[in-house]
Amino acid sequence: MEGAREDKIDFVIIVTPNNSHFEIAKAFLEKGINVVCDKPLTLKVEEAEELTNLAKKRDLLCCVTYTYSGYPMIKPTLLF
């Protein structure tokens, strides 16, 4: 819901070293903030499952970015 948070944060993007993704994502999800994370989401399947369950429980988005510059739909957006 737009404007629901006082701090007006809709989501965060995590682009830190891979071994820090889980703790950072979990902290934001626990605060009710949607998470977009650079790949890999976590280093362990169990951690990814925990984040997925937490996001579902709180009705939040928790997703991973994948950038494939070779995809036809991506090529027009690239500035070369």
PDB file of N, CA and C in Angstrom:
ATOM      1  N   MET A   1       0.845  -1.174   0.000  1.00  0.00           N
ATOM      2  CA  MET A   1       0.000   0.000   0.000  1.00  0.00           C
ATOM      3  C   MET A   1       0.892   1.239   0.000  1.00  0.00           C
ATOM      4  N   GLU A   2       0.708   2.100  -0.963  1.00  0.00           N
ATOM      5  CA  GLU A   2       1.536   3.286  -1.104  1.00  0.00           C
ATOM      6  C   GLU A   2       1.379   4.205   0.095  1.00  0.00           C
ATOM      7  N   GLY A   3       2.508   4.669   0.595  1.00  0.00           N
ATOM      8  CA  GLY A   3       2.478   5.606   1.710  1.00  0.00           C
ATOM      9  C   GLY A   3       2.215   4.970   3.054  1.00  0.00           C
ATOM     10  N   ALA A   4       2.230   3.646   3.138  1.00  0.00           N
ATOM     11  CA  ALA A   4       1.916   2.969   4.388  1.00  0.00           C
ATOM     12  C   ALA A   4       3.033   3.130   5.411  1.00  0.00           C
ATOM     13  N   ARG A   5       4.263   3.264   4.975  1.00  0.00           N
ATOM     14  CA  ARG A   5       5.403   3.391   5.891  1.00  0.00           C
ATOM     15  C   ARG A   5       5.740   4.865   6.096  1.00  0.00           C
ATOM     16  N   GLU A   6       6.039   5.222   7.330  1.00  0.00           N
ATOM     17  CA  GLU A   6       6.440   6.600   7.622  1.00  0.00           C
ATOM     18  C   GLU A   6       7.723   6.983   6.905  1.00  0.00           C
ATOM     19  N   ASP A   7       8.664   6.033   6.807  1.00  0.00           N
ATOM     20  CA  ASP A   7       9.947   6.332   6.163  1.00  0.00           C
ATOM     21  C   ASP A   7       9.854   6.314   4.638  1.00  0.00           C
ATOM     22  N   LYS A   8       8.693   5.940   4.120  1.00  0.00           N
ATOM     23  CA  LYS A   8       8.393   5.917   2.681  1.00  0.00           C
ATOM     24  C   LYS A   8       9.287   4.972   1.879  1.00  0.00           C
ATOM     25  N   ILE A   9       9.883   3.986   2.536  1.00  0.00           N
ATOM     26  CA  ILE A   9      10.705   3.001   1.838  1.00  0.00           C
ATOM     27  C   ILE A   9       9.790   1.919   1.274  1.00  0.00           C
ATOM     28  N   ASP A  10       9.797   1.748  -0.046  1.00  0.00           N
ATOM     29  CA  ASP A  10       8.992   0.717  -0.697  1.00  0.00           C
ATOM     30  C   ASP A  10       9.738  -0.609  -0.749  1.00  0.00           C
ATOM     31  N   PHE A  11      11.024  -0.537  -1.083  1.00  0.00           N
ATOM     32  CA  PHE A  11      11.840  -1.749  -1.166  1.00  0.00           C
ATOM     33  C   PHE A  11      13.310  -1.362  -1.112  1.00  0.00           C
ATOM     34  N   VAL A  12      14.149  -2.352  -0.868  1.00  0.00           N
ATOM     35  CA  VAL A  12      15.599  -2.156  -0.915  1.00  0.00           C
ATOM     36  C   VAL A  12      16.179  -3.088  -1.966  1.00  0.00           C
ATOM     37  N   ILE A  13      17.319  -2.706  -2.491  1.00  0.00           N
ATOM     38  CA  ILE A  13      18.054  -3.548  -3.425  1.00  0.00           C
ATOM     39  C   ILE A  13      19.378  -3.898  -2.760  1.00  0.00           C
ATOM     40  N   ILE A  14      19.651  -5.187  -2.641  1.00  0.00           N
ATOM     41  CA  ILE A  14      20.863  -5.656  -1.979  1.00  0.00           C
ATOM     42  C   ILE A  14      21.891  -6.055  -3.032  1.00  0.00           C
ATOM     43  N   VAL A  15      23.002  -5.339  -3.054  1.00  0.00           N
ATOM     44  CA  VAL A  15      24.085  -5.620  -3.999  1.00  0.00           C
ATOM     45  C   VAL A  15      25.420  -5.663  -3.241  1.00  0.00           C
ATOM     46  N   THR A  16      25.404  -6.333  -2.115  1.00  0.00           N
ATOM     47  CA  THR A  16      26.575  -6.474  -1.256  1.00  0.00           C
ATOM     48  C   THR A  16      27.265  -7.801  -1.560  1.00  0.00           C
ATOM     49  N   PRO A  17      28.396  -8.090  -0.910  1.00  0.00           N
ATOM     50  CA  PRO A  17      29.023  -9.402  -1.116  1.00  0.00           C
ATOM     51  C   PRO A  17      28.045 -10.548  -0.822  1.00  0.00           C
ATOM     52  N   ASN A  18      28.161 -11.612  -1.584  1.00  0.00           N
ATOM     53  CA  ASN A  18      27.214 -12.734  -1.517  1.00  0.00           C
ATOM     54  C   ASN A  18      26.984 -13.263  -0.113  1.00  0.00           C
ATOM     55  N   ASN A  19      28.036 -13.334   0.698  1.00  0.00           N
ATOM     56  CA  ASN A  19      27.884 -13.929   2.027  1.00  0.00           C
ATOM     57  C   ASN A  19      27.110 -13.045   2.999  1.00  0.00           C
ATOM     58  N   SER A  20      26.750 -11.837   2.602  1.00  0.00           N
ATOM     59  CA  SER A  20      25.978 -10.953   3.482  1.00  0.00           C
ATOM     60  C   SER A  20      24.507 -10.850   3.087  1.00  0.00           C
ATOM     61  N   HIS A  21      24.119 -11.420   1.972  1.00  0.00           N
ATOM     62  CA  HIS A  21      22.753 -11.272   1.470  1.00  0.00           C
ATOM     63  C   HIS A  21      21.697 -11.745   2.461  1.00  0.00           C
ATOM     64  N   PHE A  22      21.892 -12.911   3.054  1.00  0.00           N
ATOM     65  CA  PHE A  22      20.874 -13.480   3.932  1.00  0.00           C
ATOM     66  C   PHE A  22      20.569 -12.569   5.112  1.00  0.00           C
ATOM     67  N   GLU A  23      21.575 -12.174   5.848  1.00  0.00           N
ATOM     68  CA  GLU A  23      21.359 -11.362   7.052  1.00  0.00           C
ATOM     69  C   GLU A  23      20.717 -10.020   6.718  1.00  0.00           C
ATOM     70  N   ILE A  24      21.174  -9.396   5.658  1.00  0.00           N
ATOM     71  CA  ILE A  24      20.625  -8.096   5.268  1.00  0.00           C
ATOM     72  C   ILE A  24      19.178  -8.238   4.810  1.00  0.00           C
ATOM     73  N   ALA A  25      18.913  -9.213   3.948  1.00  0.00           N
ATOM     74  CA  ALA A  25      17.547  -9.428   3.452  1.00  0.00           C
ATOM     75  C   ALA A  25      16.602  -9.747   4.602  1.00  0.00           C
ATOM     76  N   LYS A  26      17.029 -10.605   5.496  1.00  0.00           N
ATOM     77  CA  LYS A  26      16.191 -10.981   6.640  1.00  0.00           C
ATOM     78  C   LYS A  26      15.859  -9.766   7.499  1.00  0.00           C
ATOM     79  N   ALA A  27      16.852  -8.926   7.749  1.00  0.00           N
ATOM     80  CA  ALA A  27      16.628  -7.735   8.574  1.00  0.00           C
ATOM     81  C   ALA A  27      15.583  -6.814   7.950  1.00  0.00           C
ATOM     82  N   PHE A  28      15.662  -6.608   6.636  1.00  0.00           N
ATOM     83  CA  PHE A  28      14.688  -5.732   5.984  1.00  0.00           C
ATOM     84  C   PHE A  28      13.303  -6.367   5.938  1.00  0.00           C
ATOM     85  N   LEU A  29      13.222  -7.657   5.657  1.00  0.00           N
ATOM     86  CA  LEU A  29      11.922  -8.332   5.649  1.00  0.00           C
ATOM     87  C   LEU A  29      11.279  -8.264   7.024  1.00  0.00           C
ATOM     88  N   GLU A  30      12.071  -8.433   8.075  1.00  0.00           N
ATOM     89  CA  GLU A  30      11.535  -8.357   9.440  1.00  0.00           C
ATOM     90  C   GLU A  30      11.011  -6.964   9.760  1.00  0.00           C
ATOM     91  N   LYS A  31      11.521  -5.950   9.072  1.00  0.00           N
ATOM     92  CA  LYS A  31      11.044  -4.579   9.259  1.00  0.00           C
ATOM     93  C   LYS A  31       9.893  -4.239   8.311  1.00  0.00           C
ATOM     94  N   GLY A  32       9.456  -5.229   7.523  1.00  0.00           N
ATOM     95  CA  GLY A  32       8.321  -5.022   6.637  1.00  0.00           C
ATOM     96  C   GLY A  32       8.667  -4.340   5.328  1.00  0.00           C
ATOM     97  N   ILE A  33       9.910  -4.490   4.877  1.00  0.00           N
ATOM     98  CA  ILE A  33      10.359  -3.844   3.648  1.00  0.00           C
ATOM     99  C   ILE A  33      10.630  -4.900   2.574  1.00  0.00           C
ATOM    100  N   ASN A  34      10.084  -4.678   1.379  1.00  0.00           N
ATOM    101  CA  ASN A  34      10.307  -5.573   0.242  1.00  0.00           C
ATOM    102  C   ASN A  34      11.785  -5.609  -0.119  1.00  0.00           C
ATOM    103  N   VAL A  35      12.237  -6.759  -0.624  1.00  0.00           N
ATOM    104  CA  VAL A  35      13.654  -6.960  -0.922  1.00  0.00           C
ATOM    105  C   VAL A  35      13.849  -7.435  -2.357  1.00  0.00           C
ATOM    106  N   VAL A  36      14.761  -6.767  -3.066  1.00  0.00           N
ATOM    107  CA  VAL A  36      15.254  -7.223  -4.358  1.00  0.00           C
ATOM    108  C   VAL A  36      16.746  -7.458  -4.146  1.00  0.00           C
ATOM    109  N   CYS A  37      17.200  -8.666  -4.421  1.00  0.00           N
ATOM    110  CA  CYS A  37      18.573  -9.043  -4.108  1.00  0.00           C
ATOM    111  C   CYS A  37      19.320  -9.478  -5.362  1.00  0.00           C
ATOM    112  N   ASP A  38      20.560  -9.036  -5.468  1.00  0.00           N
ATOM    113  CA  ASP A  38      21.414  -9.524  -6.544  1.00  0.00           C
ATOM    114  C   ASP A  38      21.658 -11.010  -6.318  1.00  0.00           C
ATOM    115  N   LYS A  39      21.917 -11.755  -7.372  1.00  0.00           N
ATOM    116  CA  LYS A  39      22.133 -13.187  -7.216  1.00  0.00           C
ATOM    117  C   LYS A  39      23.504 -13.473  -6.633  1.00  0.00           C
ATOM    118  N   PRO A  40      23.666 -14.499  -5.871  1.00  0.00           N
ATOM    119  CA  PRO A  40      22.659 -15.427  -5.375  1.00  0.00           C
ATOM    120  C   PRO A  40      21.912 -14.821  -4.186  1.00  0.00           C
ATOM    121  N   LEU A  41      20.688 -15.262  -3.994  1.00  0.00           N
ATOM    122  CA  LEU A  41      19.916 -14.775  -2.852  1.00  0.00           C
ATOM    123  C   LEU A  41      20.623 -15.134  -1.556  1.00  0.00           C
ATOM    124  N   THR A  42      21.022 -16.384  -1.426  1.00  0.00           N
ATOM    125  CA  THR A  42      21.750 -16.862  -0.245  1.00  0.00           C
ATOM    126  C   THR A  42      22.771 -17.902  -0.686  1.00  0.00           C
ATOM    127  N   LEU A  43      23.580 -18.331   0.262  1.00  0.00           N
ATOM    128  CA  LEU A  43      24.561 -19.373  -0.031  1.00  0.00           C
ATOM    129  C   LEU A  43      24.053 -20.754   0.351  1.00  0.00           C
ATOM    130  N   LYS A  44      22.944 -20.807   1.101  1.00  0.00           N
ATOM    131  CA  LYS A  44      22.372 -22.081   1.538  1.00  0.00           C
ATOM    132  C   LYS A  44      20.887 -22.126   1.192  1.00  0.00           C
ATOM    133  N   VAL A  45      20.429 -23.278   0.759  1.00  0.00           N
ATOM    134  CA  VAL A  45      19.017 -23.457   0.413  1.00  0.00           C
ATOM    135  C   VAL A  45      18.125 -23.145   1.606  1.00  0.00           C
ATOM    136  N   GLU A  46      18.535 -23.578   2.786  1.00  0.00           N
ATOM    137  CA  GLU A  46      17.725 -23.360   3.993  1.00  0.00           C
ATOM    138  C   GLU A  46      17.521 -21.870   4.265  1.00  0.00           C
ATOM    139  N   GLU A  47      18.538 -21.070   3.997  1.00  0.00           N
ATOM    140  CA  GLU A  47      18.411 -19.624   4.200  1.00  0.00           C
ATOM    141  C   GLU A  47      17.447 -19.019   3.183  1.00  0.00           C
ATOM    142  N   ALA A  48      17.524 -19.474   1.947  1.00  0.00           N
ATOM    143  CA  ALA A  48      16.601 -18.991   0.914  1.00  0.00           C
ATOM    144  C   ALA A  48      15.165 -19.353   1.269  1.00  0.00           C
ATOM    145  N   GLU A  49      14.970 -20.567   1.771  1.00  0.00           N
ATOM    146  CA  GLU A  49      13.631 -20.986   2.192  1.00  0.00           C
ATOM    147  C   GLU A  49      13.132 -20.132   3.350  1.00  0.00           C
ATOM    148  N   GLU A  50      14.009 -19.803   4.282  1.00  0.00           N
ATOM    149  CA  GLU A  50      13.619 -18.961   5.416  1.00  0.00           C
ATOM    150  C   GLU A  50      13.182 -17.577   4.944  1.00  0.00           C
ATOM    151  N   LEU A  51      13.926 -16.998   4.014  1.00  0.00           N
ATOM    152  CA  LEU A  51      13.550 -15.688   3.478  1.00  0.00           C
ATOM    153  C   LEU A  51      12.231 -15.761   2.720  1.00  0.00           C
ATOM    154  N   THR A  52      12.060 -16.813   1.937  1.00  0.00           N
ATOM    155  CA  THR A  52      10.817 -16.996   1.181  1.00  0.00           C
ATOM    156  C   THR A  52       9.625 -17.103   2.122  1.00  0.00           C
ATOM    157  N   ASN A  53       9.768 -17.899   3.157  1.00  0.00           N
ATOM    158  CA  ASN A  53       8.677 -18.070   4.124  1.00  0.00           C
ATOM    159  C   ASN A  53       8.381 -16.775   4.867  1.00  0.00           C
ATOM    160  N   LEU A  54       9.418 -16.045   5.238  1.00  0.00           N
ATOM    161  CA  LEU A  54       9.234 -14.772   5.933  1.00  0.00           C
ATOM    162  C   LEU A  54       8.515 -13.771   5.040  1.00  0.00           C
ATOM    163  N   ALA A  55       8.909 -13.700   3.777  1.00  0.00           N
ATOM    164  CA  ALA A  55       8.257 -12.783   2.841  1.00  0.00           C
ATOM    165  C   ALA A  55       6.788 -13.151   2.647  1.00  0.00           C
ATOM    166  N   LYS A  56       6.501 -14.435   2.490  1.00  0.00           N
ATOM    167  CA  LYS A  56       5.112 -14.877   2.323  1.00  0.00           C
ATOM    168  C   LYS A  56       4.287 -14.557   3.558  1.00  0.00           C
ATOM    169  N   LYS A  57       4.847 -14.825   4.723  1.00  0.00           N
ATOM    170  CA  LYS A  57       4.146 -14.590   5.991  1.00  0.00           C
ATOM    171  C   LYS A  57       3.780 -13.116   6.157  1.00  0.00           C
ATOM    172  N   ARG A  58       4.647 -12.240   5.689  1.00  0.00           N
ATOM    173  CA  ARG A  58       4.432 -10.800   5.844  1.00  0.00           C
ATOM    174  C   ARG A  58       3.859 -10.151   4.582  1.00  0.00           C
ATOM    175  N   ASP A  59       3.530 -10.964   3.576  1.00  0.00           N
ATOM    176  CA  ASP A  59       2.986 -10.477   2.306  1.00  0.00           C
ATOM    177  C   ASP A  59       3.924  -9.452   1.658  1.00  0.00           C
ATOM    178  N   LEU A  60       5.205  -9.822   1.593  1.00  0.00           N
ATOM    179  CA  LEU A  60       6.228  -8.959   1.017  1.00  0.00           C
ATOM    180  C   LEU A  60       6.844  -9.604  -0.214  1.00  0.00           C
ATOM    181  N   LEU A  61       7.509  -8.797  -1.005  1.00  0.00           N
ATOM    182  CA  LEU A  61       8.247  -9.270  -2.169  1.00  0.00           C
ATOM    183  C   LEU A  61       9.682  -9.560  -1.755  1.00  0.00           C
ATOM    184  N   CYS A  62      10.170 -10.714  -2.143  1.00  0.00           N
ATOM    185  CA  CYS A  62      11.581 -11.061  -1.969  1.00  0.00           C
ATOM    186  C   CYS A  62      11.998 -11.752  -3.257  1.00  0.00           C
ATOM    187  N   CYS A  63      12.777 -11.057  -4.080  1.00  0.00           N
ATOM    188  CA  CYS A  63      13.121 -11.619  -5.382  1.00  0.00           C
ATOM    189  C   CYS A  63      14.590 -11.391  -5.704  1.00  0.00           C
ATOM    190  N   VAL A  64      15.043 -12.081  -6.732  1.00  0.00           N
ATOM    191  CA  VAL A  64      16.435 -12.044  -7.146  1.00  0.00           C
ATOM    192  C   VAL A  64      16.528 -11.423  -8.530  1.00  0.00           C
ATOM    193  N   THR A  65      17.543 -10.590  -8.725  1.00  0.00           N
ATOM    194  CA  THR A  65      17.766  -9.997 -10.040  1.00  0.00           C
ATOM    195  C   THR A  65      18.624 -10.922 -10.883  1.00  0.00           C
ATOM    196  N   TYR A  66      18.291 -10.988 -12.122  1.00  0.00           N
ATOM    197  CA  TYR A  66      19.094 -11.710 -13.102  1.00  0.00           C
ATOM    198  C   TYR A  66      19.193 -10.813 -14.314  1.00  0.00           C
ATOM    199  N   THR A  67      20.385 -10.457 -14.688  1.00  0.00           N
ATOM    200  CA  THR A  67      20.567  -9.605 -15.852  1.00  0.00           C
ATOM    201  C   THR A  67      21.216 -10.425 -16.954  1.00  0.00           C
ATOM    202  N   TYR A  68      20.463 -10.693 -17.964  1.00  0.00           N
ATOM    203  CA  TYR A  68      20.974 -11.417 -19.123  1.00  0.00           C
ATOM    204  C   TYR A  68      20.954 -10.465 -20.303  1.00  0.00           C
ATOM    205  N   SER A  69      22.081  -9.835 -20.552  1.00  0.00           N
ATOM    206  CA  SER A  69      22.138  -8.812 -21.594  1.00  0.00           C
ATOM    207  C   SER A  69      21.886  -9.362 -22.992  1.00  0.00           C
ATOM    208  N   GLY A  70      21.920 -10.681 -23.147  1.00  0.00           N
ATOM    209  CA  GLY A  70      21.680 -11.270 -24.456  1.00  0.00           C
ATOM    210  C   GLY A  70      20.210 -11.453 -24.794  1.00  0.00           C
ATOM    211  N   TYR A  71      19.316 -11.280 -23.829  1.00  0.00           N
ATOM    212  CA  TYR A  71      17.891 -11.449 -24.100  1.00  0.00           C
ATOM    213  C   TYR A  71      17.412 -10.361 -25.052  1.00  0.00           C
ATOM    214  N   PRO A  72      16.625 -10.723 -26.073  1.00  0.00           N
ATOM    215  CA  PRO A  72      16.140  -9.737 -27.040  1.00  0.00           C
ATOM    216  C   PRO A  72      15.412  -8.557 -26.395  1.00  0.00           C
ATOM    217  N   MET A  73      14.663  -8.788 -25.332  1.00  0.00           N
ATOM    218  CA  MET A  73      13.916  -7.689 -24.721  1.00  0.00           C
ATOM    219  C   MET A  73      14.824  -6.756 -23.918  1.00  0.00           C
ATOM    220  N   ILE A  74      16.028  -7.181 -23.585  1.00  0.00           N
ATOM    221  CA  ILE A  74      16.961  -6.361 -22.821  1.00  0.00           C
ATOM    222  C   ILE A  74      17.862  -5.535 -23.737  1.00  0.00           C
ATOM    223  N   LYS A  75      18.230  -6.091 -24.869  1.00  0.00           N
ATOM    224  CA  LYS A  75      19.183  -5.420 -25.769  1.00  0.00           C
ATOM    225  C   LYS A  75      18.817  -3.966 -26.079  1.00  0.00           C
ATOM    226  N   PRO A  76      17.558  -3.628 -26.373  1.00  0.00           N
ATOM    227  CA  PRO A  76      17.238  -2.226 -26.684  1.00  0.00           C
ATOM    228  C   PRO A  76      17.457  -1.272 -25.509  1.00  0.00           C
ATOM    229  N   THR A  77      17.504  -1.785 -24.298  1.00  0.00           N
ATOM    230  CA  THR A  77      17.655  -0.913 -23.134  1.00  0.00           C
ATOM    231  C   THR A  77      19.111  -0.614 -22.807  1.00  0.00           C
ATOM    232  N   LEU A  78      20.023  -1.332 -23.421  1.00  0.00           N
ATOM    233  CA  LEU A  78      21.442  -1.157 -23.126  1.00  0.00           C
ATOM    234  C   LEU A  78      22.009   0.035 -23.889  1.00  0.00           C
ATOM    235  N   LEU A  79      22.800   0.815 -23.202  1.00  0.00           N
ATOM    236  CA  LEU A  79      23.448   1.968 -23.829  1.00  0.00           C
ATOM    237  C   LEU A  79      24.891   1.609 -24.136  1.00  0.00           C
ATOM    238  N   PHE A  80      25.182   1.422 -25.404  1.00  0.00           N
ATOM    239  CA  PHE A  80      26.548   1.087 -25.814  1.00  0.00           C
ATOM    240  C   PHE A  80      27.157   2.244 -26.540  1.00  0.00           C
TER     241      PHE A  80
END
